[in-house]
Amino acid sequence: MTTTAIQIENLKCGGCAATIKKEILTIENVKEVSVNVDKSLVIITQENADLGVIKEKLSKLGYPEVGHKNTIVHKAKSFVSCAIGKMDG
């Protein structure tokens, strides 16, 4: 088991965190996901999961890794992901 922390852009609240947890847990071999909203960190416990796939899914949800392109599209997607997370929560 490996634990990895990924610092992301556009993380605003618990709604964002709920969507991130739900979606990242669908990736094969991801065992646990926690989100630190204050530090914009996603902490993933996985066993041989592809980190590239995880980072790509985060980006598609609107939460690219810090240091990667953060476009207006990412920001818009994060707004939608946030709203969905609030409704699901």
C-alpha atoms as a PDB file:
ATOM      1  CA  MET A   1       0.000   0.000   0.000  1.00  0.00           C
ATOM      2  CA  THR A   2       1.246   3.453  -0.909  1.00  0.00           C
ATOM      3  CA  THR A   3      -0.041   6.832   0.241  1.00  0.00           C
ATOM      4  CA  THR A   4       0.414   9.827  -2.050  1.00  0.00           C
ATOM      5  CA  ALA A   5      -0.545  13.469  -1.534  1.00  0.00           C
ATOM      6  CA  ILE A   6      -1.391  15.580  -4.572  1.00  0.00           C
ATOM      7  CA  GLN A   7      -1.769  19.335  -4.226  1.00  0.00           C
ATOM      8  CA  ILE A   8      -4.527  20.605  -6.503  1.00  0.00           C
ATOM      9  CA  GLU A   9      -6.024  23.854  -7.791  1.00  0.00           C
ATOM     10  CA  ASN A  10      -9.615  25.132  -7.395  1.00  0.00           C
ATOM     11  CA  LEU A  11     -10.475  23.207  -4.198  1.00  0.00           C
ATOM     12  CA  LYS A  12     -12.947  25.353  -2.300  1.00  0.00           C
ATOM     13  CA  CYS A  13     -15.123  23.381   0.088  1.00  0.00           C
ATOM     14  CA  GLY A  14     -16.617  20.136   1.310  1.00  0.00           C
ATOM     15  CA  GLY A  15     -18.724  19.857  -1.851  1.00  0.00           C
ATOM     16  CA  CYS A  16     -15.542  19.732  -3.914  1.00  0.00           C
ATOM     17  CA  ALA A  17     -14.055  17.202  -1.494  1.00  0.00           C
ATOM     18  CA  ALA A  18     -17.140  14.951  -1.690  1.00  0.00           C
ATOM     19  CA  THR A  19     -16.994  14.819  -5.500  1.00  0.00           C
ATOM     20  CA  ILE A  20     -13.253  14.152  -5.495  1.00  0.00           C
ATOM     21  CA  LYS A  21     -13.568  11.294  -2.975  1.00  0.00           C
ATOM     22  CA  LYS A  22     -16.467   9.692  -4.836  1.00  0.00           C
ATOM     23  CA  GLU A  23     -14.803   9.863  -8.254  1.00  0.00           C
ATOM     24  CA  ILE A  24     -11.258   8.873  -7.265  1.00  0.00           C
ATOM     25  CA  LEU A  25     -12.562   5.846  -5.349  1.00  0.00           C
ATOM     26  CA  THR A  26     -13.914   4.506  -8.678  1.00  0.00           C
ATOM     27  CA  ILE A  27     -10.349   4.072  -9.969  1.00  0.00           C
ATOM     28  CA  GLU A  28      -9.047   0.528  -9.797  1.00  0.00           C
ATOM     29  CA  ASN A  29      -6.753  -0.232  -6.824  1.00  0.00           C
ATOM     30  CA  VAL A  30      -7.538   3.041  -4.997  1.00  0.00           C
ATOM     31  CA  LYS A  31      -8.330   2.005  -1.433  1.00  0.00           C
ATOM     32  CA  GLU A  32      -8.891   5.298   0.397  1.00  0.00           C
ATOM     33  CA  VAL A  33      -9.176   9.002  -0.400  1.00  0.00           C
ATOM     34  CA  SER A  34      -9.137  11.946   1.970  1.00  0.00           C
ATOM     35  CA  VAL A  35      -9.168  15.633   1.139  1.00  0.00           C
ATOM     36  CA  ASN A  36      -7.629  18.467   3.146  1.00  0.00           C
ATOM     37  CA  VAL A  37      -9.555  21.515   1.942  1.00  0.00           C
ATOM     38  CA  ASP A  38      -7.386  24.018   3.865  1.00  0.00           C
ATOM     39  CA  LYS A  39      -4.170  22.777   2.211  1.00  0.00           C
ATOM     40  CA  SER A  40      -5.719  21.822  -1.181  1.00  0.00           C
ATOM     41  CA  LEU A  41      -4.420  18.264  -0.787  1.00  0.00           C
ATOM     42  CA  VAL A  42      -5.874  14.980  -1.977  1.00  0.00           C
ATOM     43  CA  ILE A  43      -4.381  12.056  -0.046  1.00  0.00           C
ATOM     44  CA  ILE A  44      -4.736   8.727  -1.819  1.00  0.00           C
ATOM     45  CA  THR A  45      -3.984   5.292  -0.432  1.00  0.00           C
ATOM     46  CA  GLN A  46      -3.584   2.832  -3.272  1.00  0.00           C
ATOM     47  CA  GLU A  47      -2.068  -0.451  -4.266  1.00  0.00           C
ATOM     48  CA  ASN A  48      -0.480  -0.280  -7.724  1.00  0.00           C
ATOM     49  CA  ALA A  49      -2.962   2.319  -8.996  1.00  0.00           C
ATOM     50  CA  ASP A  50      -1.825   4.449 -11.928  1.00  0.00           C
ATOM     51  CA  LEU A  51      -1.083   7.951 -10.574  1.00  0.00           C
ATOM     52  CA  GLY A  52      -1.346   9.323 -14.098  1.00  0.00           C
ATOM     53  CA  VAL A  53      -4.953   8.106 -14.285  1.00  0.00           C
ATOM     54  CA  ILE A  54      -5.692   9.649 -10.874  1.00  0.00           C
ATOM     55  CA  LYS A  55      -4.199  13.014 -11.847  1.00  0.00           C
ATOM     56  CA  GLU A  56      -6.031  12.963 -15.189  1.00  0.00           C
ATOM     57  CA  LYS A  57      -9.355  12.293 -13.445  1.00  0.00           C
ATOM     58  CA  LEU A  58      -8.706  15.143 -10.995  1.00  0.00           C
ATOM     59  CA  SER A  59      -7.974  17.446 -13.933  1.00  0.00           C
ATOM     60  CA  LYS A  60     -11.140  16.361 -15.779  1.00  0.00           C
ATOM     61  CA  LEU A  61     -13.157  17.143 -12.637  1.00  0.00           C
ATOM     62  CA  GLY A  62     -11.649  20.649 -12.633  1.00  0.00           C
ATOM     63  CA  TYR A  63      -8.897  20.112 -10.065  1.00  0.00           C
ATOM     64  CA  PRO A  64      -5.542  19.997 -11.885  1.00  0.00           C
ATOM     65  CA  GLU A  65      -2.358  19.363  -9.949  1.00  0.00           C
ATOM     66  CA  VAL A  66      -0.578  22.533  -8.804  1.00  0.00           C
ATOM     67  CA  GLY A  67       1.988  23.496 -11.439  1.00  0.00           C
ATOM     68  CA  HIS A  68      -0.109  22.214 -14.333  1.00  0.00           C
ATOM     69  CA  LYS A  69      -2.324  24.265 -16.609  1.00  0.00           C
ATOM     70  CA  ASN A  70      -5.355  25.667 -14.728  1.00  0.00           C
ATOM     71  CA  THR A  71      -7.622  27.019 -17.454  1.00  0.00           C
ATOM     72  CA  ILE A  72     -11.007  28.710 -17.284  1.00  0.00           C
ATOM     73  CA  VAL A  73     -12.455  25.328 -18.304  1.00  0.00           C
ATOM     74  CA  HIS A  74     -10.882  23.695 -15.229  1.00  0.00           C
ATOM     75  CA  LYS A  75     -12.330  26.439 -13.054  1.00  0.00           C
ATOM     76  CA  ALA A  76     -15.792  26.016 -14.572  1.00  0.00           C
ATOM     77  CA  LYS A  77     -15.653  22.231 -14.173  1.00  0.00           C
ATOM     78  CA  SER A  78     -14.600  22.587 -10.534  1.00  0.00           C
ATOM     79  CA  PHE A  79     -17.615  24.840  -9.940  1.00  0.00           C
ATOM     80  CA  VAL A  80     -19.936  22.142 -11.351  1.00  0.00           C
ATOM     81  CA  SER A  81     -18.136  19.359  -9.431  1.00  0.00           C
ATOM     82  CA  CYS A  82     -18.506  21.413  -6.266  1.00  0.00           C
ATOM     83  CA  ALA A  83     -22.253  21.859  -6.799  1.00  0.00           C
ATOM     84  CA  ILE A  84     -22.732  18.149  -7.474  1.00  0.00           C
ATOM     85  CA  GLY A  85     -20.794  17.277  -4.334  1.00  0.00           C
ATOM     86  CA  LYS A  86     -23.011  19.588  -2.275  1.00  0.00           C
ATOM     87  CA  MET A  87     -26.173  18.019  -3.712  1.00  0.00           C
ATOM     88  CA  ASP A  88     -24.916  14.446  -3.160  1.00  0.00           C
ATOM     89  CA  GLY A  89     -23.735  15.239   0.364  1.00  0.00           C
END
